[in-house]
């Protein structure tokens, strides 16, 4: 499909696995979105990515420096980076794409207010989940009565999280079967697993079911994928989806599909034809 967008200057906040892979794939796809500026609190990561590209995008020393050099921003840093990035981007009328959806969820009231105030869009890709289009449709008429997500990962996909303890591994050695390591609400899940449960934040936000949504995190030493199972019930009927994602080669905590979902968003923004809601 022919692109209708002229070249758009894109700034990246966060030069880890997602920022790096998205940047390189946009170049391969000859996208209208051209990465021209990078910002990361770890300047070494930003310079490493910049120097790996023929275009050598500008490495910025602050978010304000970044907005002076781009027309769109992709946040791919961390939960804590979302609100400050949103403030700077939206006040400068720069559309923002958020990958650390937990940060959007925790600050959604402020970010939505800023987006409305400055009439500038915030985009949340579907990430590592299938079924988000159905969830958004389900809450249009009638009501949603149940939202549940069960995320299952192995040790490599969970280690380093505040809610992950070595005791879980010891329990596995004894029980020799998968075990729940968290059951609770979305906010508590983000606090304990900030890099692992962006899918829960995306699901609850899409369903507009932010307070009652239930999150379960399962540790399974034998699983080779990042699995997310969602169950939705409401006036529309029932929705059940299971997504088994191959982990990113750069970061096992990130699913490859999460990276591909933002590439799909860029493709949709460029195209004359849109499929899905």
Foldseek 3Di string as FASTA:
>chain_A
DAFPDAAFEEEEEALADLVLVLQVVCVVVVFSYHHAEYEYPPQVSVQVSLVVDPNSHHYDPDLLRRLVGGQEYEYDHFLVVPVVNLVNQLVSQHEYEYLLLLNCLVCVVVSVVSCVVSVHYYHYFLAQDPDLLVLLVQPPPFAWDAKEKEKEDACQLQPPFQQDDCVLVVVCVVVVFKDWSDKDADNVCCNRGSLQVSNRSSNCVSNVNRGRYMYIYIYGNPDQFTKMWMWIQTPVGIDIDIGTFHARPRGNNGGPVRSVRVVVVSVQNGDPDDDGD
